[in-house]
Amino acid sequence: MQEENIGNIEPVEKEVIIQEGRENVMEQQQNKPPFFTFNFNTLLGLILLCGLIVLYVLYFSSRNSPQAMPALTIQKASGKQLSVVFVNIDSINTHYEYVKTMRRDLEGTGKRLQTEVLAEQSALEKEANDFQRQMASNSIPEDKAKGIYDQLMQKQQMLMQKKERYTQQIADQEMNMNIRLVDSVTTFLKRFNRQYQFDYIMGFKTGGEILVSNDSLDITKSVLDDLNKEYELRKK
């Protein structure tokens, strides 16, 4: 019976049914979410992705390139900019291995000379005490006592001269140590600055002319690391 009914449908009704079927199919296709929709969110995502790629490249490129040193930029009246950093002299004196070696040598020389002077001074004091006991007991004649007294005065004078000579020797050695230190650090900084091209590398120390410093301009650690590396290579 159903087949008979379908067969009896008029042509116009058949066209209506077909048209309705097509509309249903098109409506289903329109309601179906597309596989990929290029809208504003998609564009934003692509931009963020490109940004991450750029940051990634810059990060690993910067790891393979020398790091820029912090520097204070000063604008001159002529329009040129000057870059300024500083090195902590106290830290150099404390942690530079070359200074430690020179200081140990200086202290060793000072102790050796001091031991020699103290030994002679102790022997002279013993002779003076013996002379006083002899004088107190009247056990030596006056003319002999005068000769012993003159000898003791001469030894004391020679000992004082030796003290002054040794003190000057230590002072000269310390001055030479400071000269070698300044020469070593200055020569190194000239090579060091070929890479960074600072206009001024200043020295900061406690009680010096610079009373306050900005720690962000302190390049002491980098300088110390390279100074000690060079010194270790020179010792080999």
C-alpha atoms as a PDB file:
ATOM      1  CA  MET A   1       0.000   0.000   0.000  1.00  0.00           C
ATOM      2  CA  GLN A   2       2.825   2.399   0.819  1.00  0.00           C
ATOM      3  CA  GLU A   3       4.409   1.813  -2.568  1.00  0.00           C
ATOM      4  CA  GLU A   4       1.079   2.519  -4.199  1.00  0.00           C
ATOM      5  CA  ASN A   5       0.774   5.786  -2.261  1.00  0.00           C
ATOM      6  CA  ILE A   6       4.220   6.918  -3.325  1.00  0.00           C
ATOM      7  CA  GLY A   7       3.416   6.068  -6.882  1.00  0.00           C
ATOM      8  CA  ASN A   8       0.323   8.176  -6.716  1.00  0.00           C
ATOM      9  CA  ILE A   9       2.196  11.357  -5.532  1.00  0.00           C
ATOM     10  CA  GLU A  10       1.858  14.171  -7.945  1.00  0.00           C
ATOM     11  CA  PRO A  11       5.015  15.539  -9.680  1.00  0.00           C
ATOM     12  CA  VAL A  12       4.681  18.871  -7.863  1.00  0.00           C
ATOM     13  CA  GLU A  13       4.610  17.151  -4.511  1.00  0.00           C
ATOM     14  CA  LYS A  14       7.675  15.127  -5.488  1.00  0.00           C
ATOM     15  CA  GLU A  15       9.610  18.304  -6.244  1.00  0.00           C
ATOM     16  CA  VAL A  16       8.627  19.758  -2.886  1.00  0.00           C
ATOM     17  CA  ILE A  17       9.854  16.660  -1.091  1.00  0.00           C
ATOM     18  CA  ILE A  18      13.151  16.672  -2.990  1.00  0.00           C
ATOM     19  CA  GLN A  19      13.674  20.387  -2.288  1.00  0.00           C
ATOM     20  CA  GLU A  20      12.969  19.851   1.411  1.00  0.00           C
ATOM     21  CA  GLY A  21      15.517  16.992   1.446  1.00  0.00           C
ATOM     22  CA  ARG A  22      18.192  19.187  -0.118  1.00  0.00           C
ATOM     23  CA  GLU A  23      17.533  21.953   2.422  1.00  0.00           C
ATOM     24  CA  ASN A  24      17.847  19.467   5.283  1.00  0.00           C
ATOM     25  CA  VAL A  25      21.206  18.251   3.964  1.00  0.00           C
ATOM     26  CA  MET A  26      22.504  21.817   3.514  1.00  0.00           C
ATOM     27  CA  GLU A  27      21.307  22.748   7.013  1.00  0.00           C
ATOM     28  CA  GLN A  28      23.122  19.736   8.497  1.00  0.00           C
ATOM     29  CA  GLN A  29      26.305  20.700   6.641  1.00  0.00           C
ATOM     30  CA  GLN A  30      26.045  24.285   7.885  1.00  0.00           C
ATOM     31  CA  ASN A  31      25.505  23.167  11.499  1.00  0.00           C
ATOM     32  CA  LYS A  32      28.503  20.806  11.357  1.00  0.00           C
ATOM     33  CA  PRO A  33      31.611  22.491  12.885  1.00  0.00           C
ATOM     34  CA  PRO A  34      34.327  23.071  10.260  1.00  0.00           C
ATOM     35  CA  PHE A  35      37.614  21.203  10.452  1.00  0.00           C
ATOM     36  CA  PHE A  36      39.626  24.469  10.683  1.00  0.00           C
ATOM     37  CA  THR A  37      38.345  28.027  11.165  1.00  0.00           C
ATOM     38  CA  PHE A  38      40.831  30.871  10.519  1.00  0.00           C
ATOM     39  CA  ASN A  39      39.624  33.668  12.786  1.00  0.00           C
ATOM     40  CA  PHE A  40      41.164  36.262  15.140  1.00  0.00           C
ATOM     41  CA  ASN A  41      42.053  33.672  17.805  1.00  0.00           C
ATOM     42  CA  THR A  42      43.925  31.607  15.224  1.00  0.00           C
ATOM     43  CA  LEU A  43      45.861  34.667  14.073  1.00  0.00           C
ATOM     44  CA  LEU A  44      46.743  35.567  17.680  1.00  0.00           C
ATOM     45  CA  GLY A  45      47.948  32.024  18.318  1.00  0.00           C
ATOM     46  CA  LEU A  46      50.221  32.125  15.288  1.00  0.00           C
ATOM     47  CA  ILE A  47      51.681  35.457  16.415  1.00  0.00           C
ATOM     48  CA  LEU A  48      52.395  34.077  19.899  1.00  0.00           C
ATOM     49  CA  LEU A  49      53.984  30.984  18.380  1.00  0.00           C
ATOM     50  CA  CYS A  50      56.263  33.110  16.197  1.00  0.00           C
ATOM     51  CA  GLY A  51      57.180  35.180  19.250  1.00  0.00           C
ATOM     52  CA  LEU A  52      58.164  32.076  21.201  1.00  0.00           C
ATOM     53  CA  ILE A  53      60.329  30.886  18.314  1.00  0.00           C
ATOM     54  CA  VAL A  54      62.099  34.257  18.167  1.00  0.00           C
ATOM     55  CA  LEU A  55      62.699  34.248  21.923  1.00  0.00           C
ATOM     56  CA  TYR A  56      64.035  30.713  21.721  1.00  0.00           C
ATOM     57  CA  VAL A  57      66.485  31.661  18.981  1.00  0.00           C
ATOM     58  CA  LEU A  58      67.593  34.818  20.800  1.00  0.00           C
ATOM     59  CA  TYR A  59      68.093  32.935  24.071  1.00  0.00           C
ATOM     60  CA  PHE A  60      70.405  30.298  22.625  1.00  0.00           C
ATOM     61  CA  SER A  61      72.175  32.859  20.455  1.00  0.00           C
ATOM     62  CA  SER A  62      72.883  35.014  23.506  1.00  0.00           C
ATOM     63  CA  ARG A  63      74.329  32.028  25.365  1.00  0.00           C
ATOM     64  CA  ASN A  64      76.892  31.564  22.624  1.00  0.00           C
ATOM     65  CA  SER A  65      77.811  35.278  22.437  1.00  0.00           C
ATOM     66  CA  PRO A  66      79.758  37.360  25.018  1.00  0.00           C
ATOM     67  CA  GLN A  67      77.526  38.877  27.672  1.00  0.00           C
ATOM     68  CA  ALA A  68      77.249  42.656  27.705  1.00  0.00           C
ATOM     69  CA  MET A  69      78.676  44.324  30.767  1.00  0.00           C
ATOM     70  CA  PRO A  70      76.555  46.811  32.731  1.00  0.00           C
ATOM     71  CA  ALA A  71      77.716  50.387  32.362  1.00  0.00           C
ATOM     72  CA  LEU A  72      76.647  53.863  33.368  1.00  0.00           C
ATOM     73  CA  THR A  73      75.988  56.007  30.281  1.00  0.00           C
ATOM     74  CA  ILE A  74      76.784  59.705  30.613  1.00  0.00           C
ATOM     75  CA  GLN A  75      75.642  62.235  28.037  1.00  0.00           C
ATOM     76  CA  LYS A  76      78.338  64.795  27.250  1.00  0.00           C
ATOM     77  CA  ALA A  77      77.593  68.322  26.122  1.00  0.00           C
ATOM     78  CA  SER A  78      78.943  67.389  22.696  1.00  0.00           C
ATOM     79  CA  GLY A  79      76.281  64.683  22.422  1.00  0.00           C
ATOM     80  CA  LYS A  80      78.652  61.717  22.780  1.00  0.00           C
ATOM     81  CA  GLN A  81      77.804  59.101  25.388  1.00  0.00           C
ATOM     82  CA  LEU A  82      80.427  57.845  27.841  1.00  0.00           C
ATOM     83  CA  SER A  83      80.238  54.409  29.503  1.00  0.00           C
ATOM     84  CA  VAL A  84      81.590  54.041  33.043  1.00  0.00           C
ATOM     85  CA  VAL A  85      82.142  50.971  35.258  1.00  0.00           C
ATOM     86  CA  PHE A  86      84.293  50.313  38.321  1.00  0.00           C
ATOM     87  CA  VAL A  87      86.496  47.664  39.943  1.00  0.00           C
ATOM     88  CA  ASN A  88      86.647  47.151  43.703  1.00  0.00           C
ATOM     89  CA  ILE A  89      90.327  47.504  44.667  1.00  0.00           C
ATOM     90  CA  ASP A  90      89.758  45.959  48.111  1.00  0.00           C
ATOM     91  CA  SER A  91      88.434  42.789  46.479  1.00  0.00           C
ATOM     92  CA  ILE A  92      91.391  42.684  44.078  1.00  0.00           C
ATOM     93  CA  ASN A  93      93.826  42.946  47.003  1.00  0.00           C
ATOM     94  CA  THR A  94      91.995  40.187  48.861  1.00  0.00           C
ATOM     95  CA  HIS A  95      91.202  37.667  46.126  1.00  0.00           C
ATOM     96  CA  TYR A  96      93.793  38.152  43.375  1.00  0.00           C
ATOM     97  CA  GLU A  97      96.117  35.125  43.637  1.00  0.00           C
ATOM     98  CA  TYR A  98      99.115  37.130  42.417  1.00  0.00           C
ATOM     99  CA  VAL A  99      98.662  39.528  45.343  1.00  0.00           C
ATOM    100  CA  LYS A 100      98.384  36.608  47.759  1.00  0.00           C
ATOM    101  CA  THR A 101     101.686  35.214  46.485  1.00  0.00           C
ATOM    102  CA  MET A 102     103.472  38.559  46.765  1.00  0.00           C
ATOM    103  CA  ARG A 103     102.034  39.117  50.239  1.00  0.00           C
ATOM    104  CA  ARG A 104     103.243  35.697  51.397  1.00  0.00           C
ATOM    105  CA  ASP A 105     106.726  36.508  50.096  1.00  0.00           C
ATOM    106  CA  LEU A 106     106.664  39.873  51.871  1.00  0.00           C
ATOM    107  CA  GLU A 107     105.477  38.342  55.136  1.00  0.00           C
ATOM    108  CA  GLY A 108     108.128  35.620  54.878  1.00  0.00           C
ATOM    109  CA  THR A 109     110.895  38.198  54.402  1.00  0.00           C
ATOM    110  CA  GLY A 110     109.547  40.292  57.276  1.00  0.00           C
ATOM    111  CA  LYS A 111     109.447  37.328  59.648  1.00  0.00           C
ATOM    112  CA  ARG A 112     112.978  36.275  58.695  1.00  0.00           C
ATOM    113  CA  LEU A 113     114.417  39.745  59.291  1.00  0.00           C
ATOM    114  CA  GLN A 114     112.444  40.174  62.487  1.00  0.00           C
ATOM    115  CA  THR A 115     113.721  36.846  63.835  1.00  0.00           C
ATOM    116  CA  GLU A 116     117.301  37.913  63.091  1.00  0.00           C
ATOM    117  CA  VAL A 117     116.894  41.277  64.844  1.00  0.00           C
ATOM    118  CA  LEU A 118     115.146  39.751  67.856  1.00  0.00           C
ATOM    119  CA  ALA A 119     117.934  37.184  68.263  1.00  0.00           C
ATOM    120  CA  GLU A 120     120.620  39.885  68.241  1.00  0.00           C
ATOM    121  CA  GLN A 121     118.575  42.052  70.584  1.00  0.00           C
ATOM    122  CA  SER A 122     118.158  39.152  73.035  1.00  0.00           C
ATOM    123  CA  ALA A 123     121.914  38.457  72.979  1.00  0.00           C
ATOM    124  CA  LEU A 124     122.682  42.148  73.548  1.00  0.00           C
ATOM    125  CA  GLU A 125     120.277  42.307  76.487  1.00  0.00           C
ATOM    126  CA  LYS A 126     121.982  39.256  78.028  1.00  0.00           C
ATOM    127  CA  GLU A 127     125.401  40.929  77.703  1.00  0.00           C
ATOM    128  CA  ALA A 128     124.047  44.132  79.244  1.00  0.00           C
ATOM    129  CA  ASN A 129     122.569  42.232  82.216  1.00  0.00           C
ATOM    130  CA  ASP A 130     125.877  40.396  82.791  1.00  0.00           C
ATOM    131  CA  PHE A 131     127.732  43.705  82.673  1.00  0.00           C
ATOM    132  CA  GLN A 132     125.368  45.245  85.242  1.00  0.00           C
ATOM    133  CA  ARG A 133     125.881  42.306  87.624  1.00  0.00           C
ATOM    134  CA  GLN A 134     129.653  42.605  87.282  1.00  0.00           C
ATOM    135  CA  MET A 135     129.474  46.335  87.921  1.00  0.00           C
ATOM    136  CA  ALA A 136     127.234  45.794  90.957  1.00  0.00           C
ATOM    137  CA  SER A 137     129.669  43.265  92.471  1.00  0.00           C
ATOM    138  CA  ASN A 138     132.773  45.326  91.592  1.00  0.00           C
ATOM    139  CA  SER A 139     134.224  42.238  89.948  1.00  0.00           C
ATOM    140  CA  ILE A 140     135.841  44.089  87.013  1.00  0.00           C
ATOM    141  CA  PRO A 141     138.238  47.049  87.062  1.00  0.00           C
ATOM    142  CA  GLU A 142     137.071  50.465  85.946  1.00  0.00           C
ATOM    143  CA  ASP A 143     139.111  50.650  82.725  1.00  0.00           C
ATOM    144  CA  LYS A 144     137.831  47.239  81.591  1.00  0.00           C
ATOM    145  CA  ALA A 145     134.278  48.210  82.486  1.00  0.00           C
ATOM    146  CA  LYS A 146     134.585  51.312  80.316  1.00  0.00           C
ATOM    147  CA  GLY A 147     135.720  49.184  77.363  1.00  0.00           C
ATOM    148  CA  ILE A 148     132.801  46.737  77.807  1.00  0.00           C
ATOM    149  CA  TYR A 149     130.383  49.660  78.074  1.00  0.00           C
ATOM    150  CA  ASP A 150     131.650  51.177  74.801  1.00  0.00           C
ATOM    151  CA  GLN A 151     131.310  47.828  73.056  1.00  0.00           C
ATOM    152  CA  LEU A 152     127.719  47.456  74.268  1.00  0.00           C
ATOM    153  CA  MET A 153     126.839  50.967  73.058  1.00  0.00           C
ATOM    154  CA  GLN A 154     128.381  50.208  69.664  1.00  0.00           C
ATOM    155  CA  LYS A 155     126.428  46.945  69.350  1.00  0.00           C
ATOM    156  CA  GLN A 156     123.234  48.718  70.322  1.00  0.00           C
ATOM    157  CA  GLN A 157     123.797  51.397  67.683  1.00  0.00           C
ATOM    158  CA  MET A 158     124.538  48.767  65.025  1.00  0.00           C
ATOM    159  CA  LEU A 159     121.378  46.907  66.009  1.00  0.00           C
ATOM    160  CA  MET A 160     119.286  50.079  65.671  1.00  0.00           C
ATOM    161  CA  GLN A 161     120.789  50.723  62.236  1.00  0.00           C
ATOM    162  CA  LYS A 162     119.982  47.170  61.196  1.00  0.00           C
ATOM    163  CA  LYS A 163     116.374  47.630  62.360  1.00  0.00           C
ATOM    164  CA  GLU A 164     116.062  50.796  60.285  1.00  0.00           C
ATOM    165  CA  ARG A 165     117.668  49.119  57.264  1.00  0.00           C
ATOM    166  CA  TYR A 166     115.376  46.102  57.477  1.00  0.00           C
ATOM    167  CA  THR A 167     112.317  48.327  57.967  1.00  0.00           C
ATOM    168  CA  GLN A 168     113.249  50.257  54.829  1.00  0.00           C
ATOM    169  CA  GLN A 169     113.843  46.983  52.986  1.00  0.00           C
ATOM    170  CA  ILE A 170     110.334  45.790  53.837  1.00  0.00           C
ATOM    171  CA  ALA A 171     108.854  49.154  52.863  1.00  0.00           C
ATOM    172  CA  ASP A 172     110.656  49.048  49.506  1.00  0.00           C
ATOM    173  CA  GLN A 173     109.504  45.489  48.865  1.00  0.00           C
ATOM    174  CA  GLU A 174     105.922  46.466  49.685  1.00  0.00           C
ATOM    175  CA  MET A 175     106.118  49.471  47.352  1.00  0.00           C
ATOM    176  CA  ASN A 176     107.487  47.262  44.558  1.00  0.00           C
ATOM    177  CA  MET A 177     104.655  44.826  45.225  1.00  0.00           C
ATOM    178  CA  ASN A 178     102.097  47.616  44.824  1.00  0.00           C
ATOM    179  CA  ILE A 179     103.771  48.812  41.620  1.00  0.00           C
ATOM    180  CA  ARG A 180     103.702  45.295  40.169  1.00  0.00           C
ATOM    181  CA  LEU A 181     100.078  44.894  41.227  1.00  0.00           C
ATOM    182  CA  VAL A 182      99.004  48.147  39.568  1.00  0.00           C
ATOM    183  CA  ASP A 183     100.971  47.287  36.442  1.00  0.00           C
ATOM    184  CA  SER A 184      99.475  43.789  36.314  1.00  0.00           C
ATOM    185  CA  VAL A 185      95.878  44.963  36.747  1.00  0.00           C
ATOM    186  CA  THR A 186      96.227  47.970  34.423  1.00  0.00           C
ATOM    187  CA  THR A 187      97.829  45.918  31.662  1.00  0.00           C
ATOM    188  CA  PHE A 188      95.110  43.307  32.001  1.00  0.00           C
ATOM    189  CA  LEU A 189      92.290  45.877  31.947  1.00  0.00           C
ATOM    190  CA  LYS A 190      93.615  47.333  28.700  1.00  0.00           C
ATOM    191  CA  ARG A 191      93.296  43.898  27.092  1.00  0.00           C
ATOM    192  CA  PHE A 192      89.984  43.270  28.854  1.00  0.00           C
ATOM    193  CA  ASN A 193      88.518  46.531  27.565  1.00  0.00           C
ATOM    194  CA  ARG A 194      89.257  45.724  23.929  1.00  0.00           C
ATOM    195  CA  GLN A 195      86.097  43.644  23.971  1.00  0.00           C
ATOM    196  CA  TYR A 196      83.794  45.967  25.938  1.00  0.00           C
ATOM    197  CA  GLN A 197      85.134  49.410  24.945  1.00  0.00           C
ATOM    198  CA  PHE A 198      84.318  51.213  28.204  1.00  0.00           C
ATOM    199  CA  ASP A 199      85.330  54.859  28.294  1.00  0.00           C
ATOM    200  CA  TYR A 200      86.282  54.680  31.981  1.00  0.00           C
ATOM    201  CA  ILE A 201      87.070  51.792  34.331  1.00  0.00           C
ATOM    202  CA  MET A 202      87.329  53.380  37.756  1.00  0.00           C
ATOM    203  CA  GLY A 203      88.804  51.984  40.960  1.00  0.00           C
ATOM    204  CA  PHE A 204      86.693  51.914  44.129  1.00  0.00           C
ATOM    205  CA  LYS A 205      88.158  51.281  47.578  1.00  0.00           C
ATOM    206  CA  THR A 206      87.160  51.932  51.146  1.00  0.00           C
ATOM    207  CA  GLY A 207      88.152  55.439  52.156  1.00  0.00           C
ATOM    208  CA  GLY A 208      88.918  56.412  48.560  1.00  0.00           C
ATOM    209  CA  GLU A 209      87.743  59.356  46.499  1.00  0.00           C
ATOM    210  CA  ILE A 210      84.519  57.590  45.427  1.00  0.00           C
ATOM    211  CA  LEU A 211      82.274  57.594  48.500  1.00  0.00           C
ATOM    212  CA  VAL A 212      79.178  55.821  47.099  1.00  0.00           C
ATOM    213  CA  SER A 213      78.963  53.352  44.209  1.00  0.00           C
ATOM    214  CA  ASN A 214      76.199  51.618  42.271  1.00  0.00           C
ATOM    215  CA  ASP A 215      76.682  47.847  42.540  1.00  0.00           C
ATOM    216  CA  SER A 216      75.165  47.306  39.095  1.00  0.00           C
ATOM    217  CA  LEU A 217      78.290  48.937  37.602  1.00  0.00           C
ATOM    218  CA  ASP A 218      80.665  46.627  39.499  1.00  0.00           C
ATOM    219  CA  ILE A 219      82.638  44.369  37.118  1.00  0.00           C
ATOM    220  CA  THR A 220      85.061  43.141  39.810  1.00  0.00           C
ATOM    221  CA  LYS A 221      83.997  39.476  39.658  1.00  0.00           C
ATOM    222  CA  SER A 222      84.551  39.180  35.912  1.00  0.00           C
ATOM    223  CA  VAL A 223      87.902  40.943  36.195  1.00  0.00           C
ATOM    224  CA  LEU A 224      89.015  38.756  39.122  1.00  0.00           C
ATOM    225  CA  ASP A 225      88.028  35.539  37.362  1.00  0.00           C
ATOM    226  CA  ASP A 226      90.054  36.418  34.283  1.00  0.00           C
ATOM    227  CA  LEU A 227      92.992  37.771  36.316  1.00  0.00           C
ATOM    228  CA  ASN A 228      93.294  34.534  38.273  1.00  0.00           C
ATOM    229  CA  LYS A 229      92.963  32.418  35.122  1.00  0.00           C
ATOM    230  CA  GLU A 230      95.823  34.311  33.491  1.00  0.00           C
ATOM    231  CA  TYR A 231      97.947  34.033  36.640  1.00  0.00           C
ATOM    232  CA  GLU A 232      97.428  30.266  36.821  1.00  0.00           C
ATOM    233  CA  LEU A 233      98.511  29.986  33.181  1.00  0.00           C
ATOM    234  CA  ARG A 234     101.660  32.044  33.884  1.00  0.00           C
ATOM    235  CA  LYS A 235     102.624  29.750  36.758  1.00  0.00           C
ATOM    236  CA  LYS A 236     102.560  26.631  34.566  1.00  0.00           C
END
